[in-house]
Amino acid sequence: MAESKRLKNILLLGTEFTMKSRIYDDQFMESGISLTRPDELEVASVHEIITKELINGRLNESSRSAVSDIVRKYVRAGVDGVILGCTELPMIVDISESEVPLLDSTIALADAAIDYAIS
């Protein structure tokens, strides 16, 4: 998905476990794509938004703004795409308002499952 969009530097958002893990690193390194992670405070903030709000069905405008601010910060720093590495993140990140492509991990997983089933 990232390769087809010719992305070179992607921001990873998700739970703390996802953002601190190396789950995406090998595949992106093989493709020549850099993976950027938020700083420690931003990791904690996104994790809390996911675990305290989104998984409980709460969508706070201040949280939407906080995540958007994080994305904008990294876009200004050169990120050209964002991985929404948690199924709840599309609830708070508006794909139509993004300056860069947003890669929804749930859609990527579904696409991979379909490809596997077809082959």
Protein backbone atom coordinates (compact mmCIF):
# COMPACT_ATOMS: atom_id res chain seq x y z
CA MET A 1 0.00 0.00 0.00
CA ALA A 2 2.75 2.47 0.95
CA GLU A 3 4.90 1.43 -2.00
CA SER A 4 2.07 1.95 -4.48
CA LYS A 5 1.62 5.48 -3.14
CA ARG A 6 5.41 6.04 -3.43
CA LEU A 7 5.70 7.06 0.22
CA LYS A 8 9.18 7.48 1.68
CA ASN A 9 8.65 8.47 5.33
CA ILE A 10 5.63 7.24 7.29
CA LEU A 11 4.42 8.17 10.78
CA LEU A 12 3.19 5.23 12.87
CA LEU A 13 0.22 5.82 15.18
CA GLY A 14 -1.42 3.20 17.38
CA THR A 15 -1.32 1.93 20.92
CA GLU A 16 1.88 2.27 22.90
CA PHE A 17 2.69 -1.38 22.17
CA THR A 18 2.33 -0.85 18.42
CA MET A 19 4.28 2.40 18.32
CA LYS A 20 7.15 0.98 20.37
CA SER A 21 7.26 -2.42 18.69
CA ARG A 22 9.23 -3.29 15.58
CA ILE A 23 6.21 -4.88 13.89
CA TYR A 24 6.38 -2.73 10.75
CA ASP A 25 10.11 -2.02 10.59
CA ASP A 26 11.48 -4.94 8.56
CA GLN A 27 8.92 -4.73 5.79
CA PHE A 28 9.32 -0.98 5.38
CA MET A 29 13.13 -1.13 5.55
CA GLU A 30 13.10 -3.73 2.76
CA SER A 31 11.02 -1.28 0.70
CA GLY A 32 13.28 1.69 1.45
CA ILE A 33 10.58 3.44 3.49
CA SER A 34 11.49 5.21 6.74
CA LEU A 35 9.22 4.73 9.73
CA THR A 36 8.81 7.66 12.12
CA ARG A 37 7.38 7.33 15.61
CA PRO A 38 5.98 10.10 17.81
CA ASP A 39 7.97 11.26 20.82
CA GLU A 40 7.33 9.73 24.26
CA LEU A 41 4.70 12.27 25.33
CA GLU A 42 2.83 11.89 22.05
CA VAL A 43 2.97 8.08 22.32
CA ALA A 44 1.44 8.32 25.79
CA SER A 45 -1.21 10.77 24.60
CA VAL A 46 -2.30 8.70 21.58
CA HIS A 47 -2.30 5.53 23.69
CA GLU A 48 -4.50 7.15 26.32
CA ILE A 49 -6.92 8.49 23.70
CA ILE A 50 -7.26 4.99 22.24
CA THR A 51 -7.54 3.07 25.50
CA LYS A 52 -9.55 5.50 27.61
CA GLU A 53 -11.82 6.99 24.97
CA LEU A 54 -12.01 5.33 21.57
CA ILE A 55 -12.36 1.71 22.69
CA ASN A 56 -15.19 2.92 24.93
CA GLY A 57 -16.92 4.69 22.04
CA ARG A 58 -16.09 8.22 23.22
CA LEU A 59 -15.01 10.74 20.59
CA ASN A 60 -13.77 13.94 22.19
CA GLU A 61 -13.09 16.93 19.98
CA SER A 62 -10.03 17.82 22.06
CA SER A 63 -8.61 14.36 21.38
CA ARG A 64 -9.36 14.66 17.67
CA SER A 65 -7.51 17.97 17.68
CA ALA A 66 -4.56 16.50 19.63
CA VAL A 67 -4.10 13.66 17.13
CA SER A 68 -4.45 16.07 14.20
CA ASP A 69 -1.80 18.32 15.76
CA ILE A 70 0.59 15.37 16.06
CA VAL A 71 0.02 14.43 12.42
CA ARG A 72 0.53 18.04 11.26
CA LYS A 73 3.76 18.34 13.28
CA TYR A 74 5.27 15.32 11.57
CA VAL A 75 4.00 16.30 8.12
CA ARG A 76 5.83 19.62 8.55
CA ALA A 77 8.92 17.59 9.52
CA GLY A 78 8.75 15.59 6.27
CA VAL A 79 6.42 12.67 6.85
CA ASP A 80 4.49 11.89 3.67
CA GLY A 81 2.04 9.29 5.04
CA VAL A 82 0.54 8.01 8.29
CA ILE A 83 -0.20 4.45 9.39
CA LEU A 84 -3.37 4.25 11.45
CA GLY A 85 -2.08 1.19 13.28
CA CYS A 86 -5.12 0.69 15.50
CA THR A 87 -8.66 -0.20 14.45
CA GLU A 88 -10.11 2.69 16.46
CA LEU A 89 -8.01 5.50 14.98
CA PRO A 90 -10.17 5.98 11.84
CA MET A 91 -12.95 7.03 14.24
CA ILE A 92 -10.98 10.13 15.20
CA VAL A 93 -8.77 10.85 12.16
CA ASP A 94 -10.67 12.26 9.19
CA ILE A 95 -9.16 10.75 6.07
CA SER A 96 -10.75 13.39 3.84
CA GLU A 97 -9.05 16.22 5.74
CA SER A 98 -5.56 14.76 5.79
CA GLU A 99 -2.70 16.49 3.98
CA VAL A 100 -1.02 13.11 3.40
CA PRO A 101 -2.24 9.58 2.67
CA LEU A 102 -3.52 7.69 5.69
CA LEU A 103 -2.91 3.95 5.66
CA ASP A 104 -5.61 2.15 7.64
CA SER A 105 -4.12 -1.08 9.02
CA THR A 106 -7.56 -2.70 9.20
CA ILE A 107 -8.14 -2.15 5.48
CA ALA A 108 -4.62 -3.39 4.69
CA LEU A 109 -5.25 -6.56 6.72
CA ALA A 110 -8.60 -7.13 5.00
CA ASP A 111 -7.00 -6.63 1.57
CA ALA A 112 -4.24 -9.11 2.45
CA ALA A 113 -6.81 -11.66 3.64
CA ILE A 114 -8.76 -11.32 0.38
CA ASP A 115 -5.58 -11.67 -1.69
CA TYR A 116 -4.63 -14.77 0.29
CA ALA A 117 -8.11 -16.29 -0.09
CA ILE A 118 -8.13 -15.67 -3.82
CA SER A 119 -4.69 -17.18 -4.36
